[in-house]
Amino acid sequence: MYGDGGDNTSKAVIPDLDGFYRAVRDNQVDQVQRFIAKHPAAVFTKVFGKHQRTALYVASLFGRHQIVKLLLRRGADKDLLCDGVRAIDVAGFASVDLVDRMKVRALLQGDACPQVIVRLVATGSSAANKSAASEMRRVEVHFSEPVGEFTQEEIVCSGGCVVTAFSMLRSDLYLVTVRLARGGGSVQVPAGAARSRCALNAESRPFHLGRE
């Protein structure tokens, strides 16, 4: 377990650590939670193959933000070095999902303000869908944490695009439908558009929309 030396392991003390790390990697949140409840020291243990890494490091690497949150709540040290780097230095490196990476980084940085990503919702390939898609786009607005006070009027569109529908899927996820102008345009969430428990959000990058 980590401490002064930082490189000791405890396989002999905690059974099935390999299974625990596989559950972290595979995002088995309930299984990880049950294991930690039974073996609290697993939060502070460095074991993973031939490399000595903490569960927090592995969860960060694979973008498992729910498990990162769980481990931090149980006292995991986010600044502990594994292979010479911190968990935040590898956040989402083994994940293709930018939202997962954003949420992991926000948890490990302890961001005072919610971060935001806007991304396109995939559409079907039927003729009807293609025709509709030439005029309309649906985008998701992802926040790094639950927010309130976010409304349709807060969304900034450029190039003559217009928001035609807006709904909250979760307190950290919103669905927006945009009607495109002739030349396309962009959608952006400005700073201060939504509020978490303690702070207003940061600005998102503009998400550019074009006709197919």
N, C-alpha and C. Protein backbone atom coordinates (compact mmCIF):
# COMPACT_ATOMS: atom_id res chain seq x y z
N MET A 1 0.85 -1.20 0.00
CA MET A 1 0.00 0.00 0.00
C MET A 1 0.88 1.24 0.00
N TYR A 2 0.36 2.32 -0.61
CA TYR A 2 1.25 3.46 -0.69
C TYR A 2 1.32 4.20 0.63
N GLY A 3 2.43 4.86 0.79
CA GLY A 3 2.71 5.58 2.02
C GLY A 3 4.06 6.24 1.83
N ASP A 4 4.96 6.04 2.77
CA ASP A 4 6.27 6.66 2.63
C ASP A 4 7.03 6.13 1.43
N GLY A 5 6.98 4.82 1.23
CA GLY A 5 7.70 4.23 0.11
C GLY A 5 6.97 4.40 -1.19
N GLY A 6 5.65 4.22 -1.18
CA GLY A 6 4.83 4.45 -2.36
C GLY A 6 4.84 3.33 -3.37
N ASP A 7 5.67 2.29 -3.19
CA ASP A 7 5.77 1.27 -4.22
C ASP A 7 5.48 -0.15 -3.71
N ASN A 8 4.99 -0.28 -2.50
CA ASN A 8 4.70 -1.60 -1.97
C ASN A 8 3.34 -2.07 -2.45
N THR A 9 3.16 -3.37 -2.54
CA THR A 9 1.88 -3.95 -2.93
C THR A 9 1.37 -4.81 -1.80
N SER A 10 0.09 -5.22 -1.92
CA SER A 10 -0.51 -5.98 -0.83
C SER A 10 -1.39 -7.10 -1.34
N LYS A 11 -0.96 -7.80 -2.38
CA LYS A 11 -1.75 -8.91 -2.90
C LYS A 11 -1.98 -9.98 -1.84
N ALA A 12 -1.00 -10.14 -0.97
CA ALA A 12 -1.13 -11.17 0.06
C ALA A 12 -2.18 -10.79 1.09
N VAL A 13 -2.42 -9.50 1.25
CA VAL A 13 -3.36 -9.02 2.26
C VAL A 13 -4.76 -8.89 1.68
N ILE A 14 -4.89 -8.42 0.45
CA ILE A 14 -6.19 -8.21 -0.19
C ILE A 14 -6.34 -9.22 -1.32
N PRO A 15 -7.31 -10.12 -1.23
CA PRO A 15 -7.48 -11.13 -2.26
C PRO A 15 -8.08 -10.55 -3.54
N ASP A 16 -7.77 -11.17 -4.68
CA ASP A 16 -8.38 -10.86 -5.98
C ASP A 16 -8.22 -9.40 -6.39
N LEU A 17 -7.04 -8.85 -6.16
CA LEU A 17 -6.80 -7.49 -6.62
C LEU A 17 -6.82 -7.40 -8.15
N ASP A 18 -6.41 -8.46 -8.82
CA ASP A 18 -6.44 -8.46 -10.28
C ASP A 18 -7.88 -8.29 -10.77
N GLY A 19 -8.81 -8.99 -10.13
CA GLY A 19 -10.21 -8.85 -10.49
C GLY A 19 -10.74 -7.45 -10.22
N PHE A 20 -10.27 -6.87 -9.13
CA PHE A 20 -10.67 -5.51 -8.78
C PHE A 20 -10.20 -4.52 -9.84
N TYR A 21 -8.95 -4.66 -10.28
CA TYR A 21 -8.43 -3.74 -11.29
C TYR A 21 -9.11 -3.95 -12.64
N ARG A 22 -9.49 -5.20 -12.95
CA ARG A 22 -10.24 -5.44 -14.19
C ARG A 22 -11.61 -4.76 -14.12
N ALA A 23 -12.22 -4.80 -12.94
CA ALA A 23 -13.52 -4.14 -12.76
C ALA A 23 -13.39 -2.62 -12.93
N VAL A 24 -12.29 -2.05 -12.44
CA VAL A 24 -12.03 -0.62 -12.64
C VAL A 24 -11.88 -0.33 -14.13
N ARG A 25 -11.05 -1.12 -14.79
CA ARG A 25 -10.82 -0.92 -16.23
C ARG A 25 -12.10 -1.05 -17.04
N ASP A 26 -12.94 -2.02 -16.68
CA ASP A 26 -14.16 -2.31 -17.44
C ASP A 26 -15.37 -1.50 -16.98
N ASN A 27 -15.14 -0.57 -16.06
CA ASN A 27 -16.19 0.36 -15.60
C ASN A 27 -17.34 -0.36 -14.89
N GLN A 28 -17.01 -1.39 -14.13
CA GLN A 28 -18.01 -2.12 -13.34
C GLN A 28 -18.17 -1.42 -11.99
N VAL A 29 -18.95 -0.34 -11.99
CA VAL A 29 -19.01 0.54 -10.83
C VAL A 29 -19.51 -0.19 -9.58
N ASP A 30 -20.58 -0.94 -9.72
CA ASP A 30 -21.15 -1.64 -8.56
C ASP A 30 -20.16 -2.64 -7.98
N GLN A 31 -19.47 -3.36 -8.87
CA GLN A 31 -18.49 -4.34 -8.42
C GLN A 31 -17.33 -3.66 -7.69
N VAL A 32 -16.87 -2.54 -8.22
CA VAL A 32 -15.80 -1.79 -7.57
C VAL A 32 -16.25 -1.30 -6.20
N GLN A 33 -17.47 -0.80 -6.12
CA GLN A 33 -17.99 -0.28 -4.85
C GLN A 33 -18.09 -1.39 -3.80
N ARG A 34 -18.56 -2.55 -4.22
CA ARG A 34 -18.67 -3.68 -3.27
C ARG A 34 -17.29 -4.11 -2.79
N PHE A 35 -16.32 -4.15 -3.70
CA PHE A 35 -14.98 -4.58 -3.33
C PHE A 35 -14.36 -3.61 -2.34
N ILE A 36 -14.51 -2.32 -2.59
CA ILE A 36 -13.95 -1.32 -1.69
C ILE A 36 -14.62 -1.36 -0.32
N ALA A 37 -15.92 -1.62 -0.31
CA ALA A 37 -16.62 -1.72 0.98
C ALA A 37 -16.06 -2.87 1.81
N LYS A 38 -15.66 -3.95 1.13
CA LYS A 38 -15.12 -5.12 1.82
C LYS A 38 -13.63 -4.97 2.10
N HIS A 39 -12.92 -4.29 1.20
CA HIS A 39 -11.46 -4.12 1.32
C HIS A 39 -11.10 -2.65 1.12
N PRO A 40 -11.31 -1.80 2.11
CA PRO A 40 -11.05 -0.35 1.96
C PRO A 40 -9.62 -0.02 1.56
N ALA A 41 -8.68 -0.88 1.96
CA ALA A 41 -7.27 -0.61 1.65
C ALA A 41 -6.99 -0.69 0.15
N ALA A 42 -7.90 -1.27 -0.63
CA ALA A 42 -7.69 -1.36 -2.08
C ALA A 42 -7.60 0.02 -2.72
N VAL A 43 -8.22 1.00 -2.09
CA VAL A 43 -8.15 2.37 -2.61
C VAL A 43 -6.72 2.89 -2.57
N PHE A 44 -5.93 2.40 -1.64
CA PHE A 44 -4.58 2.93 -1.41
C PHE A 44 -3.50 1.96 -1.88
N THR A 45 -3.85 1.01 -2.75
CA THR A 45 -2.93 -0.05 -3.15
C THR A 45 -2.38 0.19 -4.55
N LYS A 46 -1.10 -0.11 -4.71
CA LYS A 46 -0.45 0.00 -6.02
C LYS A 46 -0.18 -1.38 -6.59
N VAL A 47 -1.07 -1.87 -7.45
CA VAL A 47 -0.84 -3.15 -8.11
C VAL A 47 -1.54 -3.09 -9.47
N PHE A 48 -0.82 -3.40 -10.54
CA PHE A 48 -1.46 -3.56 -11.85
C PHE A 48 -0.44 -4.14 -12.80
N GLY A 49 -0.50 -5.46 -13.02
CA GLY A 49 0.46 -6.12 -13.87
C GLY A 49 1.88 -5.91 -13.36
N LYS A 50 2.82 -5.71 -14.28
CA LYS A 50 4.21 -5.50 -13.86
C LYS A 50 4.45 -4.07 -13.41
N HIS A 51 3.49 -3.17 -13.73
CA HIS A 51 3.60 -1.78 -13.29
C HIS A 51 2.82 -1.61 -11.98
N GLN A 52 3.30 -0.73 -11.14
CA GLN A 52 2.64 -0.49 -9.86
C GLN A 52 1.83 0.79 -9.97
N ARG A 53 0.52 0.62 -10.11
CA ARG A 53 -0.39 1.73 -10.31
C ARG A 53 -1.56 1.63 -9.35
N THR A 54 -2.10 2.76 -8.99
CA THR A 54 -3.28 2.76 -8.13
C THR A 54 -4.54 2.58 -8.97
N ALA A 55 -5.62 2.21 -8.30
CA ALA A 55 -6.91 2.11 -8.99
C ALA A 55 -7.32 3.44 -9.58
N LEU A 56 -7.00 4.54 -8.89
CA LEU A 56 -7.34 5.87 -9.38
C LEU A 56 -6.61 6.15 -10.70
N TYR A 57 -5.36 5.77 -10.78
CA TYR A 57 -4.58 5.95 -12.01
C TYR A 57 -5.25 5.20 -13.17
N VAL A 58 -5.63 3.95 -12.92
CA VAL A 58 -6.24 3.12 -13.97
C VAL A 58 -7.60 3.68 -14.37
N ALA A 59 -8.41 4.08 -13.39
CA ALA A 59 -9.72 4.65 -13.69
C ALA A 59 -9.57 5.93 -14.51
N SER A 60 -8.60 6.75 -14.17
CA SER A 60 -8.36 7.98 -14.92
C SER A 60 -7.91 7.66 -16.35
N LEU A 61 -6.99 6.74 -16.49
CA LEU A 61 -6.46 6.36 -17.80
C LEU A 61 -7.56 5.94 -18.76
N PHE A 62 -8.53 5.16 -18.25
CA PHE A 62 -9.61 4.65 -19.10
C PHE A 62 -10.85 5.56 -19.11
N GLY A 63 -10.76 6.71 -18.46
CA GLY A 63 -11.87 7.65 -18.49
C GLY A 63 -13.08 7.22 -17.70
N ARG A 64 -12.89 6.48 -16.62
CA ARG A 64 -14.02 5.96 -15.83
C ARG A 64 -14.38 6.97 -14.75
N HIS A 65 -15.12 8.00 -15.12
CA HIS A 65 -15.34 9.13 -14.21
C HIS A 65 -16.16 8.77 -12.98
N GLN A 66 -17.10 7.83 -13.11
CA GLN A 66 -17.87 7.42 -11.94
C GLN A 66 -16.99 6.73 -10.90
N ILE A 67 -16.05 5.93 -11.39
CA ILE A 67 -15.14 5.24 -10.48
C ILE A 67 -14.12 6.22 -9.90
N VAL A 68 -13.67 7.17 -10.69
CA VAL A 68 -12.78 8.21 -10.17
C VAL A 68 -13.45 8.95 -9.02
N LYS A 69 -14.71 9.32 -9.20
CA LYS A 69 -15.44 10.03 -8.15
C LYS A 69 -15.56 9.16 -6.90
N LEU A 70 -15.86 7.88 -7.08
CA LEU A 70 -15.97 6.96 -5.95
C LEU A 70 -14.66 6.85 -5.20
N LEU A 71 -13.55 6.68 -5.92
CA LEU A 71 -12.25 6.52 -5.28
C LEU A 71 -11.82 7.78 -4.54
N LEU A 72 -12.09 8.95 -5.12
CA LEU A 72 -11.74 10.20 -4.45
C LEU A 72 -12.54 10.36 -3.16
N ARG A 73 -13.79 9.98 -3.19
CA ARG A 73 -14.62 10.06 -1.99
C ARG A 73 -14.13 9.13 -0.90
N ARG A 74 -13.48 8.03 -1.30
CA ARG A 74 -12.95 7.09 -0.32
C ARG A 74 -11.52 7.41 0.10
N GLY A 75 -11.00 8.56 -0.36
CA GLY A 75 -9.71 9.02 0.14
C GLY A 75 -8.52 8.78 -0.75
N ALA A 76 -8.73 8.38 -2.01
CA ALA A 76 -7.59 8.17 -2.91
C ALA A 76 -6.80 9.46 -3.10
N ASP A 77 -5.48 9.34 -3.17
CA ASP A 77 -4.58 10.47 -3.31
C ASP A 77 -4.40 10.79 -4.80
N LYS A 78 -4.99 11.89 -5.27
CA LYS A 78 -4.93 12.22 -6.69
C LYS A 78 -3.55 12.71 -7.13
N ASP A 79 -2.68 13.05 -6.19
CA ASP A 79 -1.36 13.57 -6.53
C ASP A 79 -0.25 12.52 -6.43
N LEU A 80 -0.63 11.29 -6.06
CA LEU A 80 0.38 10.22 -5.95
C LEU A 80 0.92 9.88 -7.34
N LEU A 81 2.24 9.75 -7.44
CA LEU A 81 2.87 9.44 -8.72
C LEU A 81 2.86 7.94 -8.98
N CYS A 82 2.49 7.58 -10.20
CA CYS A 82 2.59 6.21 -10.69
C CYS A 82 3.35 6.27 -12.01
N ASP A 83 4.41 5.50 -12.12
CA ASP A 83 5.28 5.60 -13.30
C ASP A 83 5.73 7.04 -13.52
N GLY A 84 5.87 7.80 -12.43
CA GLY A 84 6.39 9.15 -12.51
C GLY A 84 5.38 10.22 -12.87
N VAL A 85 4.09 9.85 -13.03
CA VAL A 85 3.08 10.84 -13.39
C VAL A 85 1.87 10.69 -12.47
N ARG A 86 1.05 11.76 -12.43
CA ARG A 86 -0.17 11.74 -11.63
C ARG A 86 -1.32 11.17 -12.46
N ALA A 87 -2.40 10.84 -11.76
CA ALA A 87 -3.59 10.31 -12.45
C ALA A 87 -4.11 11.30 -13.48
N ILE A 88 -4.09 12.59 -13.17
CA ILE A 88 -4.63 13.58 -14.10
C ILE A 88 -3.79 13.69 -15.37
N ASP A 89 -2.51 13.32 -15.29
CA ASP A 89 -1.63 13.41 -16.46
C ASP A 89 -1.97 12.38 -17.53
N VAL A 90 -2.74 11.34 -17.16
CA VAL A 90 -3.12 10.31 -18.14
C VAL A 90 -4.64 10.25 -18.31
N ALA A 91 -5.33 11.30 -17.88
CA ALA A 91 -6.80 11.28 -17.89
C ALA A 91 -7.35 11.04 -19.30
N GLY A 92 -8.07 9.93 -19.45
CA GLY A 92 -8.74 9.63 -20.71
C GLY A 92 -7.85 9.19 -21.84
N PHE A 93 -6.58 8.92 -21.58
CA PHE A 93 -5.66 8.54 -22.67
C PHE A 93 -6.09 7.25 -23.36
N ALA A 94 -6.74 6.34 -22.64
CA ALA A 94 -7.18 5.07 -23.23
C ALA A 94 -8.68 5.09 -23.53
N SER A 95 -9.26 6.29 -23.60
CA SER A 95 -10.69 6.44 -23.91
C SER A 95 -10.85 7.29 -25.16
N VAL A 96 -11.83 6.93 -25.99
CA VAL A 96 -12.10 7.72 -27.19
C VAL A 96 -13.18 8.77 -26.93
N ASP A 97 -13.73 8.78 -25.73
CA ASP A 97 -14.85 9.68 -25.41
C ASP A 97 -14.34 10.95 -24.76
N LEU A 98 -14.50 12.08 -25.44
CA LEU A 98 -14.03 13.36 -24.92
C LEU A 98 -14.79 13.78 -23.66
N VAL A 99 -16.05 13.38 -23.57
CA VAL A 99 -16.85 13.73 -22.40
C VAL A 99 -16.32 13.03 -21.16
N ASP A 100 -15.99 11.75 -21.30
CA ASP A 100 -15.41 11.02 -20.17
C ASP A 100 -14.11 11.68 -19.72
N ARG A 101 -13.29 12.05 -20.69
CA ARG A 101 -12.02 12.69 -20.34
C ARG A 101 -12.25 14.02 -19.62
N MET A 102 -13.21 14.81 -20.11
CA MET A 102 -13.53 16.09 -19.47
C MET A 102 -13.96 15.88 -18.03
N LYS A 103 -14.81 14.89 -17.80
CA LYS A 103 -15.34 14.67 -16.45
C LYS A 103 -14.25 14.18 -15.50
N VAL A 104 -13.37 13.33 -16.00
CA VAL A 104 -12.27 12.85 -15.17
C VAL A 104 -11.34 14.01 -14.80
N ARG A 105 -10.98 14.81 -15.79
CA ARG A 105 -10.09 15.94 -15.53
C ARG A 105 -10.72 16.93 -14.55
N ALA A 106 -12.01 17.18 -14.68
CA ALA A 106 -12.68 18.10 -13.77
C ALA A 106 -12.65 17.58 -12.34
N LEU A 107 -12.85 16.27 -12.17
CA LEU A 107 -12.81 15.69 -10.83
C LEU A 107 -11.41 15.77 -10.22
N LEU A 108 -10.39 15.48 -11.02
CA LEU A 108 -9.03 15.45 -10.50
C LEU A 108 -8.45 16.85 -10.32
N GLN A 109 -8.91 17.79 -11.11
CA GLN A 109 -8.43 19.17 -10.95
C GLN A 109 -9.18 19.89 -9.85
N GLY A 110 -10.38 19.36 -9.51
CA GLY A 110 -11.22 20.07 -8.55
C GLY A 110 -11.66 21.40 -9.11
N ASP A 111 -12.05 21.40 -10.41
CA ASP A 111 -12.42 22.64 -11.07
C ASP A 111 -13.50 23.39 -10.30
N ALA A 112 -13.31 24.67 -10.16
CA ALA A 112 -14.30 25.50 -9.47
C ALA A 112 -15.50 25.77 -10.34
N CYS A 113 -15.34 25.67 -11.66
CA CYS A 113 -16.48 25.93 -12.55
C CYS A 113 -16.69 24.74 -13.49
N PRO A 114 -17.96 24.42 -13.81
CA PRO A 114 -18.25 23.29 -14.71
C PRO A 114 -17.68 23.52 -16.11
N GLN A 115 -17.11 22.48 -16.69
CA GLN A 115 -16.63 22.51 -18.07
C GLN A 115 -17.76 22.04 -18.99
N VAL A 116 -17.67 22.38 -20.28
CA VAL A 116 -18.75 22.09 -21.22
C VAL A 116 -18.19 21.57 -22.54
N ILE A 117 -18.84 20.55 -23.10
CA ILE A 117 -18.55 20.06 -24.45
C ILE A 117 -19.86 19.98 -25.23
N VAL A 118 -19.84 20.47 -26.46
CA VAL A 118 -20.97 20.35 -27.38
C VAL A 118 -20.57 19.36 -28.46
N ARG A 119 -21.44 18.37 -28.76
CA ARG A 119 -21.10 17.43 -29.81
C ARG A 119 -22.36 17.00 -30.57
N LEU A 120 -22.16 16.53 -31.79
CA LEU A 120 -23.25 16.19 -32.68
C LEU A 120 -23.86 14.84 -32.31
N VAL A 121 -25.18 14.74 -32.46
CA VAL A 121 -25.88 13.47 -32.29
C VAL A 121 -25.95 12.79 -33.65
N ALA A 122 -25.53 11.54 -33.74
CA ALA A 122 -25.56 10.81 -35.00
C ALA A 122 -27.00 10.60 -35.46
N THR A 123 -27.21 10.69 -36.77
CA THR A 123 -28.54 10.46 -37.34
C THR A 123 -28.54 9.19 -38.16
N GLY A 124 -29.72 8.71 -38.49
CA GLY A 124 -29.86 7.51 -39.32
C GLY A 124 -29.51 7.79 -40.76
N SER A 125 -29.57 6.76 -41.59
CA SER A 125 -29.15 6.89 -42.99
C SER A 125 -30.29 6.80 -43.99
N SER A 126 -31.56 6.79 -43.52
CA SER A 126 -32.68 6.69 -44.45
C SER A 126 -32.81 7.98 -45.25
N ALA A 127 -33.56 7.91 -46.36
CA ALA A 127 -33.74 9.09 -47.21
C ALA A 127 -34.44 10.20 -46.46
N ALA A 128 -35.42 9.82 -45.65
CA ALA A 128 -36.16 10.82 -44.87
C ALA A 128 -35.24 11.50 -43.87
N ASN A 129 -34.40 10.70 -43.24
CA ASN A 129 -33.47 11.28 -42.27
C ASN A 129 -32.45 12.19 -42.96
N LYS A 130 -31.99 11.79 -44.13
CA LYS A 130 -31.01 12.60 -44.85
C LYS A 130 -31.63 13.94 -45.26
N SER A 131 -32.89 13.90 -45.69
CA SER A 131 -33.56 15.13 -46.09
C SER A 131 -33.71 16.08 -44.90
N ALA A 132 -34.15 15.50 -43.77
CA ALA A 132 -34.31 16.32 -42.56
C ALA A 132 -32.96 16.82 -42.07
N ALA A 133 -31.95 15.97 -42.21
CA ALA A 133 -30.63 16.33 -41.71
C ALA A 133 -30.01 17.49 -42.49
N SER A 134 -30.48 17.69 -43.74
CA SER A 134 -29.93 18.79 -44.53
C SER A 134 -30.33 20.14 -43.95
N GLU A 135 -31.40 20.16 -43.17
CA GLU A 135 -31.89 21.40 -42.57
C GLU A 135 -31.66 21.48 -41.06
N MET A 136 -31.67 20.34 -40.40
CA MET A 136 -31.65 20.32 -38.94
C MET A 136 -30.44 19.53 -38.43
N ARG A 137 -29.98 19.92 -37.24
CA ARG A 137 -28.96 19.15 -36.53
C ARG A 137 -29.37 19.04 -35.06
N ARG A 138 -29.05 17.91 -34.47
CA ARG A 138 -29.23 17.76 -33.03
C ARG A 138 -27.87 17.64 -32.38
N VAL A 139 -27.67 18.40 -31.33
CA VAL A 139 -26.40 18.37 -30.61
C VAL A 139 -26.66 18.11 -29.13
N GLU A 140 -25.68 17.51 -28.49
CA GLU A 140 -25.72 17.30 -27.04
C GLU A 140 -24.82 18.32 -26.38
N VAL A 141 -25.28 18.85 -25.26
CA VAL A 141 -24.48 19.75 -24.44
C VAL A 141 -24.15 19.00 -23.14
N HIS A 142 -22.89 18.66 -22.97
CA HIS A 142 -22.43 17.90 -21.80
C HIS A 142 -21.70 18.82 -20.83
N PHE A 143 -22.13 18.80 -19.59
CA PHE A 143 -21.43 19.52 -18.53
C PHE A 143 -20.64 18.51 -17.70
N SER A 144 -19.57 18.99 -17.09
CA SER A 144 -18.71 18.09 -16.30
C SER A 144 -19.35 17.71 -14.96
N GLU A 145 -20.42 18.41 -14.58
CA GLU A 145 -21.13 18.11 -13.34
C GLU A 145 -22.56 18.61 -13.47
N PRO A 146 -23.46 18.21 -12.60
CA PRO A 146 -24.85 18.69 -12.68
C PRO A 146 -24.93 20.21 -12.55
N VAL A 147 -25.81 20.79 -13.36
CA VAL A 147 -26.00 22.25 -13.33
C VAL A 147 -27.49 22.56 -13.34
N GLY A 148 -27.80 23.79 -13.00
CA GLY A 148 -29.15 24.31 -13.08
C GLY A 148 -29.14 25.65 -13.79
N GLU A 149 -30.33 26.20 -13.96
CA GLU A 149 -30.49 27.53 -14.55
C GLU A 149 -29.95 27.60 -15.97
N PHE A 150 -29.94 26.48 -16.69
CA PHE A 150 -29.50 26.48 -18.09
C PHE A 150 -30.73 26.39 -18.97
N THR A 151 -30.93 27.37 -19.85
CA THR A 151 -32.12 27.44 -20.69
C THR A 151 -31.74 27.59 -22.16
N GLN A 152 -32.72 27.43 -23.01
CA GLN A 152 -32.52 27.55 -24.45
C GLN A 152 -31.96 28.91 -24.84
N GLU A 153 -32.40 29.94 -24.13
CA GLU A 153 -31.98 31.30 -24.46
C GLU A 153 -30.49 31.53 -24.21
N GLU A 154 -29.86 30.67 -23.43
CA GLU A 154 -28.43 30.86 -23.13
C GLU A 154 -27.53 30.40 -24.27
N ILE A 155 -28.06 29.59 -25.19
CA ILE A 155 -27.24 29.04 -26.26
C ILE A 155 -27.00 30.09 -27.34
N VAL A 156 -25.76 30.22 -27.75
CA VAL A 156 -25.38 31.21 -28.77
C VAL A 156 -25.19 30.50 -30.11
N CYS A 157 -25.93 30.94 -31.12
CA CYS A 157 -25.81 30.40 -32.47
C CYS A 157 -25.25 31.48 -33.40
N SER A 158 -24.47 31.06 -34.38
CA SER A 158 -23.92 32.00 -35.35
C SER A 158 -24.37 31.62 -36.75
N GLY A 159 -24.18 32.53 -37.69
CA GLY A 159 -24.46 32.25 -39.10
C GLY A 159 -25.92 32.09 -39.42
N GLY A 160 -26.80 32.61 -38.58
CA GLY A 160 -28.22 32.51 -38.85
C GLY A 160 -28.87 31.22 -38.38
N CYS A 161 -28.14 30.34 -37.70
CA CYS A 161 -28.74 29.13 -37.14
C CYS A 161 -29.70 29.50 -36.01
N VAL A 162 -30.72 28.65 -35.82
CA VAL A 162 -31.74 28.92 -34.81
C VAL A 162 -32.01 27.66 -34.01
N VAL A 163 -32.07 27.78 -32.68
CA VAL A 163 -32.45 26.66 -31.83
C VAL A 163 -33.97 26.48 -31.90
N THR A 164 -34.42 25.28 -32.28
CA THR A 164 -35.86 25.02 -32.41
C THR A 164 -36.41 24.12 -31.32
N ALA A 165 -35.54 23.40 -30.61
CA ALA A 165 -36.00 22.52 -29.53
C ALA A 165 -34.88 22.38 -28.51
N PHE A 166 -35.29 22.19 -27.26
CA PHE A 166 -34.32 22.15 -26.15
C PHE A 166 -34.93 21.29 -25.05
N SER A 167 -34.16 20.34 -24.55
CA SER A 167 -34.66 19.51 -23.45
C SER A 167 -33.51 19.05 -22.56
N MET A 168 -33.81 18.82 -21.29
CA MET A 168 -32.83 18.29 -20.34
C MET A 168 -33.00 16.79 -20.24
N LEU A 169 -31.95 16.05 -20.58
CA LEU A 169 -31.97 14.60 -20.44
C LEU A 169 -31.51 14.18 -19.05
N ARG A 170 -30.50 14.87 -18.53
CA ARG A 170 -30.02 14.75 -17.15
C ARG A 170 -29.58 16.13 -16.73
N SER A 171 -29.27 16.28 -15.47
CA SER A 171 -28.84 17.60 -15.01
C SER A 171 -27.45 17.98 -15.51
N ASP A 172 -26.76 17.04 -16.17
CA ASP A 172 -25.47 17.36 -16.79
C ASP A 172 -25.49 17.14 -18.30
N LEU A 173 -26.68 16.90 -18.88
CA LEU A 173 -26.79 16.58 -20.31
C LEU A 173 -28.07 17.17 -20.89
N TYR A 174 -27.91 17.97 -21.95
CA TYR A 174 -29.04 18.63 -22.61
C TYR A 174 -29.01 18.31 -24.10
N LEU A 175 -30.22 18.21 -24.69
CA LEU A 175 -30.37 17.94 -26.11
C LEU A 175 -30.92 19.18 -26.80
N VAL A 176 -30.25 19.59 -27.88
CA VAL A 176 -30.61 20.83 -28.59
C VAL A 176 -30.78 20.52 -30.07
N THR A 177 -31.88 20.98 -30.65
CA THR A 177 -32.10 20.87 -32.09
C THR A 177 -31.90 22.24 -32.72
N VAL A 178 -31.12 22.27 -33.81
CA VAL A 178 -30.76 23.53 -34.45
C VAL A 178 -31.16 23.49 -35.92
N ARG A 179 -31.84 24.55 -36.39
CA ARG A 179 -32.12 24.70 -37.81
C ARG A 179 -30.97 25.46 -38.45
N LEU A 180 -30.41 24.88 -39.51
CA LEU A 180 -29.24 25.47 -40.15
C LEU A 180 -29.62 26.59 -41.10
N ALA A 181 -28.75 27.58 -41.17
CA ALA A 181 -28.84 28.58 -42.22
C ALA A 181 -28.20 28.02 -43.49
N ARG A 182 -28.27 28.77 -44.58
CA ARG A 182 -27.78 28.26 -45.87
C ARG A 182 -26.31 27.88 -45.82
N GLY A 183 -25.51 28.69 -45.15
CA GLY A 183 -24.08 28.43 -45.14
C GLY A 183 -23.58 27.70 -43.90
N GLY A 184 -24.50 27.17 -43.09
CA GLY A 184 -24.08 26.52 -41.85
C GLY A 184 -23.90 27.55 -40.75
N GLY A 185 -23.22 27.16 -39.71
CA GLY A 185 -23.01 28.06 -38.57
C GLY A 185 -22.38 27.32 -37.42
N SER A 186 -22.56 27.83 -36.22
CA SER A 186 -21.98 27.18 -35.04
C SER A 186 -22.88 27.35 -33.83
N VAL A 187 -22.65 26.50 -32.85
CA VAL A 187 -23.37 26.54 -31.58
C VAL A 187 -22.34 26.61 -30.46
N GLN A 188 -22.62 27.43 -29.47
CA GLN A 188 -21.68 27.59 -28.36
C GLN A 188 -22.44 27.86 -27.07
N VAL A 189 -21.89 27.36 -25.96
CA VAL A 189 -22.42 27.68 -24.63
C VAL A 189 -21.47 28.71 -24.02
N PRO A 190 -21.94 29.92 -23.78
CA PRO A 190 -21.06 30.96 -23.24
C PRO A 190 -20.76 30.74 -21.76
N ALA A 191 -19.72 31.37 -21.29
CA ALA A 191 -19.41 31.32 -19.86
C ALA A 191 -20.57 31.94 -19.07
N GLY A 192 -20.87 31.32 -17.94
CA GLY A 192 -21.91 31.85 -17.07
C GLY A 192 -23.32 31.49 -17.47
N ALA A 193 -23.50 30.56 -18.42
CA ALA A 193 -24.84 30.19 -18.87
C ALA A 193 -25.56 29.26 -17.90
N ALA A 194 -24.82 28.53 -17.09
CA ALA A 194 -25.40 27.58 -16.14
C ALA A 194 -24.64 27.64 -14.83
N ARG A 195 -25.28 27.17 -13.79
CA ARG A 195 -24.68 27.24 -12.46
C ARG A 195 -24.69 25.86 -11.80
N SER A 196 -23.53 25.49 -11.25
CA SER A 196 -23.46 24.31 -10.40
C SER A 196 -23.75 24.74 -8.97
N ARG A 197 -23.43 23.90 -8.02
CA ARG A 197 -23.68 24.27 -6.62
C ARG A 197 -22.88 25.49 -6.20
N CYS A 198 -21.70 25.67 -6.79
CA CYS A 198 -20.79 26.71 -6.29
C CYS A 198 -20.35 27.72 -7.33
N ALA A 199 -20.54 27.44 -8.63
CA ALA A 199 -19.93 28.31 -9.63
C ALA A 199 -20.68 28.27 -10.95
N LEU A 200 -20.41 29.27 -11.78
CA LEU A 200 -20.92 29.32 -13.14
C LEU A 200 -19.97 28.56 -14.08
N ASN A 201 -20.53 28.10 -15.20
CA ASN A 201 -19.74 27.28 -16.12
C ASN A 201 -18.70 28.09 -16.89
N ALA A 202 -17.69 27.35 -17.37
CA ALA A 202 -16.72 27.92 -18.31
C ALA A 202 -17.33 27.90 -19.71
N GLU A 203 -16.71 28.62 -20.61
CA GLU A 203 -17.18 28.69 -21.99
C GLU A 203 -16.84 27.41 -22.75
N SER A 204 -17.76 26.95 -23.59
CA SER A 204 -17.45 25.82 -24.46
C SER A 204 -16.77 26.32 -25.72
N ARG A 205 -16.14 25.43 -26.44
CA ARG A 205 -15.64 25.79 -27.76
C ARG A 205 -16.82 25.85 -28.73
N PRO A 206 -16.76 26.72 -29.73
CA PRO A 206 -17.83 26.72 -30.74
C PRO A 206 -17.87 25.39 -31.47
N PHE A 207 -19.07 24.85 -31.65
CA PHE A 207 -19.22 23.61 -32.42
C PHE A 207 -19.78 23.98 -33.78
N HIS A 208 -19.01 23.73 -34.83
CA HIS A 208 -19.38 24.18 -36.17
C HIS A 208 -20.29 23.16 -36.85
N LEU A 209 -21.34 23.68 -37.48
CA LEU A 209 -22.33 22.85 -38.16
C LEU A 209 -22.36 23.23 -39.64
N GLY A 210 -22.45 22.22 -40.49
CA GLY A 210 -22.53 22.49 -41.92
C GLY A 210 -23.53 21.56 -42.59
N ARG A 211 -23.96 21.92 -43.75
CA ARG A 211 -24.89 21.09 -44.50
C ARG A 211 -24.15 19.91 -45.12
N GLU A 212 -24.87 18.79 -45.26
CA GLU A 212 -24.25 17.61 -45.86
C GLU A 212 -24.27 17.71 -47.37
